[in-house]
Amino acid sequence: MKLILAIVSNDDSGAVSSSLTREGYSVTKLATTGGFLMAGNTTFISGVEDEKVDEVIEIISKHSSRRNQMVPNTSTMDMGMYSSFPVEVTVGGSTIFVLDVDRFEKV
């Protein structure tokens, strides 16, 4: 058995969640925040049999897309003045961890 931790953008979490549950996977959702943009994410936790890991990853990947977004960036100029200009960054997609499970109990 494996434990899958998948971090996806809040924009994609509804599609990922409904697709996983529609395919019969039990999933727990946690509201999380990313460190770089301080943007909302959803972390999904799911325990699956070894042979189902690739299927779960495929579902998550299919419903969590990368996209470009403009975010404000502030820089300091010579006289203590601040200038704000947008910077394009890539957001979305998913970060997926697959861990071995030594023991599983459902009571």
PDB file of N, CA and C in Angstrom:
ATOM      1  N   MET A   1       0.841  -1.182   0.000  1.00  0.00           N
ATOM      2  CA  MET A   1       0.000   0.000   0.000  1.00  0.00           C
ATOM      3  C   MET A   1       0.881   1.238   0.000  1.00  0.00           C
ATOM      4  N   LYS A   2       0.362   2.298  -0.628  1.00  0.00           N
ATOM      5  CA  LYS A   2       1.074   3.579  -0.730  1.00  0.00           C
ATOM      6  C   LYS A   2       0.190   4.701  -0.200  1.00  0.00           C
ATOM      7  N   LEU A   3       0.842   5.736   0.302  1.00  0.00           N
ATOM      8  CA  LEU A   3       0.163   6.963   0.711  1.00  0.00           C
ATOM      9  C   LEU A   3       0.539   8.033  -0.291  1.00  0.00           C
ATOM     10  N   ILE A   4      -0.453   8.638  -0.904  1.00  0.00           N
ATOM     11  CA  ILE A   4      -0.218   9.699  -1.887  1.00  0.00           C
ATOM     12  C   ILE A   4      -0.576  11.030  -1.258  1.00  0.00           C
ATOM     13  N   LEU A   5       0.380  11.960  -1.293  1.00  0.00           N
ATOM     14  CA  LEU A   5       0.154  13.346  -0.887  1.00  0.00           C
ATOM     15  C   LEU A   5       0.263  14.178  -2.149  1.00  0.00           C
ATOM     16  N   ALA A   6      -0.808  14.852  -2.517  1.00  0.00           N
ATOM     17  CA  ALA A   6      -0.814  15.657  -3.736  1.00  0.00           C
ATOM     18  C   ALA A   6      -1.206  17.080  -3.395  1.00  0.00           C
ATOM     19  N   ILE A   7      -0.331  18.026  -3.730  1.00  0.00           N
ATOM     20  CA  ILE A   7      -0.589  19.441  -3.479  1.00  0.00           C
ATOM     21  C   ILE A   7      -0.993  20.076  -4.802  1.00  0.00           C
ATOM     22  N   VAL A   8      -2.211  20.627  -4.848  1.00  0.00           N
ATOM     23  CA  VAL A   8      -2.716  21.253  -6.078  1.00  0.00           C
ATOM     24  C   VAL A   8      -3.263  22.637  -5.755  1.00  0.00           C
ATOM     25  N   SER A   9      -3.352  23.460  -6.771  1.00  0.00           N
ATOM     26  CA  SER A   9      -3.906  24.806  -6.618  1.00  0.00           C
ATOM     27  C   SER A   9      -5.380  24.723  -6.239  1.00  0.00           C
ATOM     28  N   ASN A  10      -5.844  25.689  -5.450  1.00  0.00           N
ATOM     29  CA  ASN A  10      -7.274  25.743  -5.124  1.00  0.00           C
ATOM     30  C   ASN A  10      -8.133  25.816  -6.378  1.00  0.00           C
ATOM     31  N   ASP A  11      -7.603  26.437  -7.433  1.00  0.00           N
ATOM     32  CA  ASP A  11      -8.361  26.543  -8.679  1.00  0.00           C
ATOM     33  C   ASP A  11      -8.663  25.181  -9.279  1.00  0.00           C
ATOM     34  N   ASP A  12      -7.821  24.194  -9.020  1.00  0.00           N
ATOM     35  CA  ASP A  12      -7.982  22.862  -9.599  1.00  0.00           C
ATOM     36  C   ASP A  12      -8.561  21.841  -8.619  1.00  0.00           C
ATOM     37  N   SER A  13      -8.689  22.204  -7.359  1.00  0.00           N
ATOM     38  CA  SER A  13      -9.036  21.215  -6.339  1.00  0.00           C
ATOM     39  C   SER A  13     -10.415  20.590  -6.541  1.00  0.00           C
ATOM     40  N   GLY A  14     -11.381  21.358  -6.996  1.00  0.00           N
ATOM     41  CA  GLY A  14     -12.723  20.803  -7.210  1.00  0.00           C
ATOM     42  C   GLY A  14     -12.733  19.712  -8.260  1.00  0.00           C
ATOM     43  N   ALA A  15     -12.053  19.957  -9.367  1.00  0.00           N
ATOM     44  CA  ALA A  15     -11.998  18.963 -10.449  1.00  0.00           C
ATOM     45  C   ALA A  15     -11.231  17.723 -10.022  1.00  0.00           C
ATOM     46  N   VAL A  16     -10.131  17.907  -9.302  1.00  0.00           N
ATOM     47  CA  VAL A  16      -9.343  16.767  -8.833  1.00  0.00           C
ATOM     48  C   VAL A  16     -10.158  15.937  -7.849  1.00  0.00           C
ATOM     49  N   SER A  17     -10.782  16.607  -6.895  1.00  0.00           N
ATOM     50  CA  SER A  17     -11.565  15.913  -5.875  1.00  0.00           C
ATOM     51  C   SER A  17     -12.711  15.118  -6.476  1.00  0.00           C
ATOM     52  N   SER A  18     -13.479  15.744  -7.341  1.00  0.00           N
ATOM     53  CA  SER A  18     -14.629  15.044  -7.926  1.00  0.00           C
ATOM     54  C   SER A  18     -14.190  13.895  -8.826  1.00  0.00           C
ATOM     55  N   SER A  19     -13.086  14.046  -9.532  1.00  0.00           N
ATOM     56  CA  SER A  19     -12.599  12.971 -10.406  1.00  0.00           C
ATOM     57  C   SER A  19     -12.115  11.774  -9.594  1.00  0.00           C
ATOM     58  N   LEU A  20     -11.398  12.037  -8.509  1.00  0.00           N
ATOM     59  CA  LEU A  20     -10.915  10.935  -7.675  1.00  0.00           C
ATOM     60  C   LEU A  20     -12.072  10.184  -7.015  1.00  0.00           C
ATOM     61  N   THR A  21     -13.030  10.907  -6.474  1.00  0.00           N
ATOM     62  CA  THR A  21     -14.157  10.242  -5.816  1.00  0.00           C
ATOM     63  C   THR A  21     -15.044   9.524  -6.825  1.00  0.00           C
ATOM     64  N   ARG A  22     -15.199  10.090  -8.015  1.00  0.00           N
ATOM     65  CA  ARG A  22     -15.989   9.439  -9.075  1.00  0.00           C
ATOM     66  C   ARG A  22     -15.367   8.095  -9.470  1.00  0.00           C
ATOM     67  N   GLU A  23     -14.035   8.023  -9.416  1.00  0.00           N
ATOM     68  CA  GLU A  23     -13.338   6.780  -9.752  1.00  0.00           C
ATOM     69  C   GLU A  23     -13.240   5.824  -8.560  1.00  0.00           C
ATOM     70  N   GLY A  24     -13.814   6.212  -7.416  1.00  0.00           N
ATOM     71  CA  GLY A  24     -13.887   5.317  -6.266  1.00  0.00           C
ATOM     72  C   GLY A  24     -12.745   5.416  -5.272  1.00  0.00           C
ATOM     73  N   TYR A  25     -11.949   6.461  -5.355  1.00  0.00           N
ATOM     74  CA  TYR A  25     -10.837   6.630  -4.416  1.00  0.00           C
ATOM     75  C   TYR A  25     -11.278   7.475  -3.231  1.00  0.00           C
ATOM     76  N   SER A  26     -10.949   7.011  -2.041  1.00  0.00           N
ATOM     77  CA  SER A  26     -11.195   7.803  -0.835  1.00  0.00           C
ATOM     78  C   SER A  26     -10.081   8.827  -0.720  1.00  0.00           C
ATOM     79  N   VAL A  27     -10.463  10.047  -0.409  1.00  0.00           N
ATOM     80  CA  VAL A  27      -9.476  11.115  -0.359  1.00  0.00           C
ATOM     81  C   VAL A  27      -9.828  12.085   0.762  1.00  0.00           C
ATOM     82  N   THR A  28      -8.805  12.571   1.442  1.00  0.00           N
ATOM     83  CA  THR A  28      -8.970  13.600   2.463  1.00  0.00           C
ATOM     84  C   THR A  28      -8.362  14.882   1.919  1.00  0.00           C
ATOM     85  N   LYS A  29      -9.090  15.997   2.079  1.00  0.00           N
ATOM     86  CA  LYS A  29      -8.619  17.301   1.599  1.00  0.00           C
ATOM     87  C   LYS A  29      -8.205  18.165   2.783  1.00  0.00           C
ATOM     88  N   LEU A  30      -7.042  18.806   2.640  1.00  0.00           N
ATOM     89  CA  LEU A  30      -6.568  19.760   3.637  1.00  0.00           C
ATOM     90  C   LEU A  30      -6.334  21.100   2.961  1.00  0.00           C
ATOM     91  N   ALA A  31      -6.764  22.179   3.597  1.00  0.00           N
ATOM     92  CA  ALA A  31      -6.468  23.518   3.092  1.00  0.00           C
ATOM     93  C   ALA A  31      -5.048  23.869   3.503  1.00  0.00           C
ATOM     94  N   THR A  32      -4.206  24.206   2.521  1.00  0.00           N
ATOM     95  CA  THR A  32      -2.808  24.534   2.792  1.00  0.00           C
ATOM     96  C   THR A  32      -2.442  25.824   2.071  1.00  0.00           C
ATOM     97  N   THR A  33      -1.290  26.373   2.413  1.00  0.00           N
ATOM     98  CA  THR A  33      -0.817  27.603   1.788  1.00  0.00           C
ATOM     99  C   THR A  33       0.604  27.397   1.294  1.00  0.00           C
ATOM    100  N   GLY A  34       0.853  27.810   0.054  1.00  0.00           N
ATOM    101  CA  GLY A  34       2.198  27.696  -0.511  1.00  0.00           C
ATOM    102  C   GLY A  34       3.115  28.759   0.055  1.00  0.00           C
ATOM    103  N   GLY A  35       4.394  28.479   0.073  1.00  0.00           N
ATOM    104  CA  GLY A  35       5.359  29.390   0.661  1.00  0.00           C
ATOM    105  C   GLY A  35       5.802  30.510  -0.255  1.00  0.00           C
ATOM    106  N   PHE A  36       5.862  30.290  -1.560  1.00  0.00           N
ATOM    107  CA  PHE A  36       6.396  31.293  -2.477  1.00  0.00           C
ATOM    108  C   PHE A  36       5.405  32.423  -2.732  1.00  0.00           C
ATOM    109  N   LEU A  37       4.218  32.107  -3.205  1.00  0.00           N
ATOM    110  CA  LEU A  37       3.220  33.139  -3.498  1.00  0.00           C
ATOM    111  C   LEU A  37       2.230  33.330  -2.359  1.00  0.00           C
ATOM    112  N   MET A  38       2.353  32.510  -1.316  1.00  0.00           N
ATOM    113  CA  MET A  38       1.413  32.538  -0.202  1.00  0.00           C
ATOM    114  C   MET A  38      -0.018  32.372  -0.699  1.00  0.00           C
ATOM    115  N   ALA A  39      -0.168  31.558  -1.721  1.00  0.00           N
ATOM    116  CA  ALA A  39      -1.483  31.321  -2.323  1.00  0.00           C
ATOM    117  C   ALA A  39      -2.088  30.045  -1.764  1.00  0.00           C
ATOM    118  N   GLY A  40      -3.402  29.984  -1.805  1.00  0.00           N
ATOM    119  CA  GLY A  40      -4.108  28.819  -1.297  1.00  0.00           C
ATOM    120  C   GLY A  40      -3.898  27.591  -2.162  1.00  0.00           C
ATOM    121  N   ASN A  41      -3.665  26.479  -1.491  1.00  0.00           N
ATOM    122  CA  ASN A  41      -3.547  25.183  -2.142  1.00  0.00           C
ATOM    123  C   ASN A  41      -4.471  24.214  -1.433  1.00  0.00           C
ATOM    124  N   THR A  42      -4.651  23.061  -2.033  1.00  0.00           N
ATOM    125  CA  THR A  42      -5.336  21.953  -1.388  1.00  0.00           C
ATOM    126  C   THR A  42      -4.388  20.772  -1.414  1.00  0.00           C
ATOM    127  N   THR A  43      -4.206  20.136  -0.275  1.00  0.00           N
ATOM    128  CA  THR A  43      -3.395  18.927  -0.204  1.00  0.00           C
ATOM    129  C   THR A  43      -4.341  17.747  -0.060  1.00  0.00           C
ATOM    130  N   PHE A  44      -4.222  16.808  -0.986  1.00  0.00           N
ATOM    131  CA  PHE A  44      -5.028  15.596  -0.965  1.00  0.00           C
ATOM    132  C   PHE A  44      -4.202  14.466  -0.368  1.00  0.00           C
ATOM    133  N   ILE A  45      -4.830  13.674   0.490  1.00  0.00           N
ATOM    134  CA  ILE A  45      -4.192  12.509   1.085  1.00  0.00           C
ATOM    135  C   ILE A  45      -5.046  11.300   0.731  1.00  0.00           C
ATOM    136  N   SER A  46      -4.393  10.277   0.172  1.00  0.00           N
ATOM    137  CA  SER A  46      -5.132   9.079  -0.211  1.00  0.00           C
ATOM    138  C   SER A  46      -4.248   7.851  -0.064  1.00  0.00           C
ATOM    139  N   GLY A  47      -4.785   6.817   0.539  1.00  0.00           N
ATOM    140  CA  GLY A  47      -4.097   5.536   0.625  1.00  0.00           C
ATOM    141  C   GLY A  47      -4.614   4.637  -0.478  1.00  0.00           C
ATOM    142  N   VAL A  48      -3.707   4.108  -1.292  1.00  0.00           N
ATOM    143  CA  VAL A  48      -4.115   3.257  -2.422  1.00  0.00           C
ATOM    144  C   VAL A  48      -3.207   2.036  -2.513  1.00  0.00           C
ATOM    145  N   GLU A  49      -3.710   1.011  -3.154  1.00  0.00           N
ATOM    146  CA  GLU A  49      -2.908  -0.180  -3.420  1.00  0.00           C
ATOM    147  C   GLU A  49      -1.815   0.167  -4.425  1.00  0.00           C
ATOM    148  N   ASP A  50      -0.713  -0.543  -4.348  1.00  0.00           N
ATOM    149  CA  ASP A  50       0.461  -0.258  -5.182  1.00  0.00           C
ATOM    150  C   ASP A  50       0.128  -0.160  -6.666  1.00  0.00           C
ATOM    151  N   GLU A  51      -0.715  -1.051  -7.148  1.00  0.00           N
ATOM    152  CA  GLU A  51      -1.022  -1.083  -8.584  1.00  0.00           C
ATOM    153  C   GLU A  51      -1.932   0.064  -9.036  1.00  0.00           C
ATOM    154  N   LYS A  52      -2.493   0.813  -8.118  1.00  0.00           N
ATOM    155  CA  LYS A  52      -3.391   1.930  -8.456  1.00  0.00           C
ATOM    156  C   LYS A  52      -2.699   3.289  -8.428  1.00  0.00           C
ATOM    157  N   VAL A  53      -1.445   3.344  -8.001  1.00  0.00           N
ATOM    158  CA  VAL A  53      -0.726   4.615  -7.846  1.00  0.00           C
ATOM    159  C   VAL A  53      -0.664   5.383  -9.165  1.00  0.00           C
ATOM    160  N   ASP A  54      -0.289   4.725 -10.251  1.00  0.00           N
ATOM    161  CA  ASP A  54      -0.168   5.414 -11.540  1.00  0.00           C
ATOM    162  C   ASP A  54      -1.508   5.966 -12.013  1.00  0.00           C
ATOM    163  N   GLU A  55      -2.590   5.248 -11.750  1.00  0.00           N
ATOM    164  CA  GLU A  55      -3.922   5.720 -12.138  1.00  0.00           C
ATOM    165  C   GLU A  55      -4.304   6.982 -11.368  1.00  0.00           C
ATOM    166  N   VAL A  56      -4.024   7.000 -10.068  1.00  0.00           N
ATOM    167  CA  VAL A  56      -4.336   8.175  -9.253  1.00  0.00           C
ATOM    168  C   VAL A  56      -3.506   9.371  -9.720  1.00  0.00           C
ATOM    169  N   ILE A  57      -2.228   9.158  -9.978  1.00  0.00           N
ATOM    170  CA  ILE A  57      -1.368  10.245 -10.448  1.00  0.00           C
ATOM    171  C   ILE A  57      -1.852  10.770 -11.792  1.00  0.00           C
ATOM    172  N   GLU A  58      -2.307   9.889 -12.652  1.00  0.00           N
ATOM    173  CA  GLU A  58      -2.831  10.314 -13.955  1.00  0.00           C
ATOM    174  C   GLU A  58      -4.080  11.175 -13.796  1.00  0.00           C
ATOM    175  N   ILE A  59      -4.976  10.798 -12.895  1.00  0.00           N
ATOM    176  CA  ILE A  59      -6.192  11.587 -12.647  1.00  0.00           C
ATOM    177  C   ILE A  59      -5.820  12.968 -12.119  1.00  0.00           C
ATOM    178  N   ILE A  60      -4.914  13.016 -11.153  1.00  0.00           N
ATOM    179  CA  ILE A  60      -4.502  14.301 -10.582  1.00  0.00           C
ATOM    180  C   ILE A  60      -3.851  15.174 -11.647  1.00  0.00           C
ATOM    181  N   SER A  61      -2.951  14.593 -12.423  1.00  0.00           N
ATOM    182  CA  SER A  61      -2.246  15.353 -13.472  1.00  0.00           C
ATOM    183  C   SER A  61      -3.199  15.878 -14.535  1.00  0.00           C
ATOM    184  N   LYS A  62      -4.180  15.088 -14.882  1.00  0.00           N
ATOM    185  CA  LYS A  62      -5.142  15.483 -15.923  1.00  0.00           C
ATOM    186  C   LYS A  62      -5.965  16.702 -15.503  1.00  0.00           C
ATOM    187  N   HIS A  63      -6.232  16.816 -14.204  1.00  0.00           N
ATOM    188  CA  HIS A  63      -7.123  17.874 -13.721  1.00  0.00           C
ATOM    189  C   HIS A  63      -6.416  19.000 -12.973  1.00  0.00           C
ATOM    190  N   SER A  64      -5.087  19.037 -13.020  1.00  0.00           N
ATOM    191  CA  SER A  64      -4.347  20.141 -12.391  1.00  0.00           C
ATOM    192  C   SER A  64      -3.341  20.670 -13.413  1.00  0.00           C
ATOM    193  N   SER A  65      -3.669  21.809 -13.978  1.00  0.00           N
ATOM    194  CA  SER A  65      -2.856  22.333 -15.075  1.00  0.00           C
ATOM    195  C   SER A  65      -1.985  23.503 -14.616  1.00  0.00           C
ATOM    196  N   ARG A  66      -0.838  23.631 -15.271  1.00  0.00           N
ATOM    197  CA  ARG A  66       0.047  24.778 -15.036  1.00  0.00           C
ATOM    198  C   ARG A  66      -0.409  25.927 -15.914  1.00  0.00           C
ATOM    199  N   ARG A  67      -0.274  27.125 -15.378  1.00  0.00           N
ATOM    200  CA  ARG A  67      -0.629  28.321 -16.144  1.00  0.00           C
ATOM    201  C   ARG A  67       0.239  29.478 -15.670  1.00  0.00           C
ATOM    202  N   ASN A  68       0.352  30.482 -16.498  1.00  0.00           N
ATOM    203  CA  ASN A  68       1.140  31.670 -16.141  1.00  0.00           C
ATOM    204  C   ASN A  68       0.235  32.715 -15.522  1.00  0.00           C
ATOM    205  N   GLN A  69       0.779  33.425 -14.542  1.00  0.00           N
ATOM    206  CA  GLN A  69       0.015  34.450 -13.835  1.00  0.00           C
ATOM    207  C   GLN A  69       0.936  35.623 -13.543  1.00  0.00           C
ATOM    208  N   MET A  70       0.408  36.817 -13.646  1.00  0.00           N
ATOM    209  CA  MET A  70       1.168  38.014 -13.313  1.00  0.00           C
ATOM    210  C   MET A  70       0.966  38.313 -11.824  1.00  0.00           C
ATOM    211  N   VAL A  71       2.083  38.530 -11.112  1.00  0.00           N
ATOM    212  CA  VAL A  71       2.019  38.879  -9.698  1.00  0.00           C
ATOM    213  C   VAL A  71       2.826  40.149  -9.480  1.00  0.00           C
ATOM    214  N   PRO A  72       2.403  40.982  -8.534  1.00  0.00           N
ATOM    215  CA  PRO A  72       3.165  42.211  -8.286  1.00  0.00           C
ATOM    216  C   PRO A  72       4.506  41.901  -7.639  1.00  0.00           C
ATOM    217  N   ASN A  73       5.496  42.693  -7.999  1.00  0.00           N
ATOM    218  CA  ASN A  73       6.831  42.564  -7.426  1.00  0.00           C
ATOM    219  C   ASN A  73       7.303  43.963  -7.064  1.00  0.00           C
ATOM    220  N   THR A  74       7.839  44.136  -5.892  1.00  0.00           N
ATOM    221  CA  THR A  74       8.303  45.449  -5.443  1.00  0.00           C
ATOM    222  C   THR A  74       9.820  45.434  -5.335  1.00  0.00           C
ATOM    223  N   SER A  75      10.439  46.473  -5.876  1.00  0.00           N
ATOM    224  CA  SER A  75      11.892  46.599  -5.759  1.00  0.00           C
ATOM    225  C   SER A  75      12.229  47.995  -5.255  1.00  0.00           C
ATOM    226  N   THR A  76      13.366  48.108  -4.596  1.00  0.00           N
ATOM    227  CA  THR A  76      13.819  49.381  -4.050  1.00  0.00           C
ATOM    228  C   THR A  76      14.708  50.074  -5.070  1.00  0.00           C
ATOM    229  N   MET A  77      14.460  51.380  -5.238  1.00  0.00           N
ATOM    230  CA  MET A  77      15.304  52.170  -6.122  1.00  0.00           C
ATOM    231  C   MET A  77      16.286  52.973  -5.265  1.00  0.00           C
ATOM    232  N   ASP A  78      17.158  53.760  -5.886  1.00  0.00           N
ATOM    233  CA  ASP A  78      18.244  54.464  -5.198  1.00  0.00           C
ATOM    234  C   ASP A  78      17.811  55.323  -4.015  1.00  0.00           C
ATOM    235  N   MET A  79      16.808  56.130  -4.129  1.00  0.00           N
ATOM    236  CA  MET A  79      16.476  57.100  -3.091  1.00  0.00           C
ATOM    237  C   MET A  79      15.425  56.577  -2.117  1.00  0.00           C
ATOM    238  N   GLY A  80      15.416  55.282  -1.893  1.00  0.00           N
ATOM    239  CA  GLY A  80      14.451  54.728  -0.952  1.00  0.00           C
ATOM    240  C   GLY A  80      13.057  54.632  -1.535  1.00  0.00           C
ATOM    241  N   MET A  81      12.925  54.870  -2.817  1.00  0.00           N
ATOM    242  CA  MET A  81      11.617  54.786  -3.462  1.00  0.00           C
ATOM    243  C   MET A  81      11.361  53.329  -3.857  1.00  0.00           C
ATOM    244  N   TYR A  82      10.108  52.981  -3.859  1.00  0.00           N
ATOM    245  CA  TYR A  82       9.715  51.631  -4.235  1.00  0.00           C
ATOM    246  C   TYR A  82       9.014  51.664  -5.576  1.00  0.00           C
ATOM    247  N   SER A  83       9.326  50.710  -6.369  1.00  0.00           N
ATOM    248  CA  SER A  83       8.687  50.583  -7.668  1.00  0.00           C
ATOM    249  C   SER A  83       8.012  49.210  -7.725  1.00  0.00           C
ATOM    250  N   SER A  84       6.779  49.196  -8.142  1.00  0.00           N
ATOM    251  CA  SER A  84       6.054  47.936  -8.244  1.00  0.00           C
ATOM    252  C   SER A  84       5.847  47.611  -9.714  1.00  0.00           C
ATOM    253  N   PHE A  85       6.253  46.441 -10.108  1.00  0.00           N
ATOM    254  CA  PHE A  85       6.038  46.012 -11.480  1.00  0.00           C
ATOM    255  C   PHE A  85       5.668  44.535 -11.467  1.00  0.00           C
ATOM    256  N   PRO A  86       4.808  44.133 -12.386  1.00  0.00           N
ATOM    257  CA  PRO A  86       4.363  42.740 -12.398  1.00  0.00           C
ATOM    258  C   PRO A  86       5.435  41.803 -12.953  1.00  0.00           C
ATOM    259  N   VAL A  87       5.422  40.594 -12.434  1.00  0.00           N
ATOM    260  CA  VAL A  87       6.326  39.543 -12.889  1.00  0.00           C
ATOM    261  C   VAL A  87       5.474  38.327 -13.228  1.00  0.00           C
ATOM    262  N   GLU A  88       5.787  37.698 -14.335  1.00  0.00           N
ATOM    263  CA  GLU A  88       5.044  36.507 -14.735  1.00  0.00           C
ATOM    264  C   GLU A  88       5.650  35.273 -14.069  1.00  0.00           C
ATOM    265  N   VAL A  89       4.805  34.484 -13.385  1.00  0.00           N
ATOM    266  CA  VAL A  89       5.248  33.245 -12.748  1.00  0.00           C
ATOM    267  C   VAL A  89       4.331  32.110 -13.185  1.00  0.00           C
ATOM    268  N   THR A  90       4.842  30.900 -13.109  1.00  0.00           N
ATOM    269  CA  THR A  90       4.045  29.723 -13.424  1.00  0.00           C
ATOM    270  C   THR A  90       3.398  29.217 -12.146  1.00  0.00           C
ATOM    271  N   VAL A  91       2.085  29.024 -12.183  1.00  0.00           N
ATOM    272  CA  VAL A  91       1.338  28.533 -11.032  1.00  0.00           C
ATOM    273  C   VAL A  91       0.541  27.303 -11.459  1.00  0.00           C
ATOM    274  N   GLY A  92      -0.008  26.628 -10.486  1.00  0.00           N
ATOM    275  CA  GLY A  92      -0.840  25.464 -10.783  1.00  0.00           C
ATOM    276  C   GLY A  92      -0.014  24.208 -10.917  1.00  0.00           C
ATOM    277  N   GLY A  93      -0.601  23.245 -11.579  1.00  0.00           N
ATOM    278  CA  GLY A  93       0.039  21.946 -11.667  1.00  0.00           C
ATOM    279  C   GLY A  93      -0.119  21.214 -10.352  1.00  0.00           C
ATOM    280  N   SER A  94       0.709  20.251 -10.120  1.00  0.00           N
ATOM    281  CA  SER A  94       0.623  19.498  -8.875  1.00  0.00           C
ATOM    282  C   SER A  94       2.005  19.028  -8.447  1.00  0.00           C
ATOM    283  N   THR A  95       2.150  18.875  -7.155  1.00  0.00           N
ATOM    284  CA  THR A  95       3.333  18.265  -6.573  1.00  0.00           C
ATOM    285  C   THR A  95       2.849  17.020  -5.847  1.00  0.00           C
ATOM    286  N   ILE A  96       3.391  15.862  -6.222  1.00  0.00           N
ATOM    287  CA  ILE A  96       2.867  14.593  -5.719  1.00  0.00           C
ATOM    288  C   ILE A  96       3.988  13.801  -5.043  1.00  0.00           C
ATOM    289  N   PHE A  97       3.712  13.345  -3.840  1.00  0.00           N
ATOM    290  CA  PHE A  97       4.625  12.485  -3.094  1.00  0.00           C
ATOM    291  C   PHE A  97       3.952  11.125  -2.930  1.00  0.00           C
ATOM    292  N   VAL A  98       4.709  10.061  -3.126  1.00  0.00           N
ATOM    293  CA  VAL A  98       4.215   8.701  -2.916  1.00  0.00           C
ATOM    294  C   VAL A  98       5.096   8.053  -1.858  1.00  0.00           C
ATOM    295  N   LEU A  99       4.469   7.628  -0.759  1.00  0.00           N
ATOM    296  CA  LEU A  99       5.198   7.065   0.378  1.00  0.00           C
ATOM    297  C   LEU A  99       4.753   5.627   0.641  1.00  0.00           C
ATOM    298  N   ASP A 100       5.683   4.808   1.087  1.00  0.00           N
ATOM    299  CA  ASP A 100       5.345   3.451   1.489  1.00  0.00           C
ATOM    300  C   ASP A 100       4.557   3.477   2.794  1.00  0.00           C
ATOM    301  N   VAL A 101       3.593   2.573   2.926  1.00  0.00           N
ATOM    302  CA  VAL A 101       2.816   2.446   4.149  1.00  0.00           C
ATOM    303  C   VAL A 101       3.193   1.127   4.809  1.00  0.00           C
ATOM    304  N   ASP A 102       3.701   1.191   6.026  1.00  0.00           N
ATOM    305  CA  ASP A 102       4.078  -0.017   6.746  1.00  0.00           C
ATOM    306  C   ASP A 102       2.872  -0.734   7.337  1.00  0.00           C
ATOM    307  N   ARG A 103       1.889   0.065   7.728  1.00  0.00           N
ATOM    308  CA  ARG A 103       0.710  -0.529   8.380  1.00  0.00           C
ATOM    309  C   ARG A 103      -0.498   0.342   8.109  1.00  0.00           C
ATOM    310  N   PHE A 104      -1.647  -0.304   7.862  1.00  0.00           N
ATOM    311  CA  PHE A 104      -2.885   0.419   7.617  1.00  0.00           C
ATOM    312  C   PHE A 104      -3.999  -0.264   8.404  1.00  0.00           C
ATOM    313  N   GLU A 105      -4.754   0.520   9.154  1.00  0.00           N
ATOM    314  CA  GLU A 105      -5.894   0.009   9.884  1.00  0.00           C
ATOM    315  C   GLU A 105      -7.061   0.956   9.730  1.00  0.00           C
ATOM    316  N   LYS A 106      -8.227   0.417   9.512  1.00  0.00           N
ATOM    317  CA  LYS A 106      -9.436   1.227   9.449  1.00  0.00           C
ATOM    318  C   LYS A 106     -10.404   0.648  10.480  1.00  0.00           C
ATOM    319  N   VAL A 107     -10.576   1.369  11.586  1.00  0.00           N
ATOM    320  CA  VAL A 107     -11.414   0.851  12.674  1.00  0.00           C
ATOM    321  C   VAL A 107     -12.636   1.703  12.874  1.00  0.00           C
TER     322      VAL A 107
END
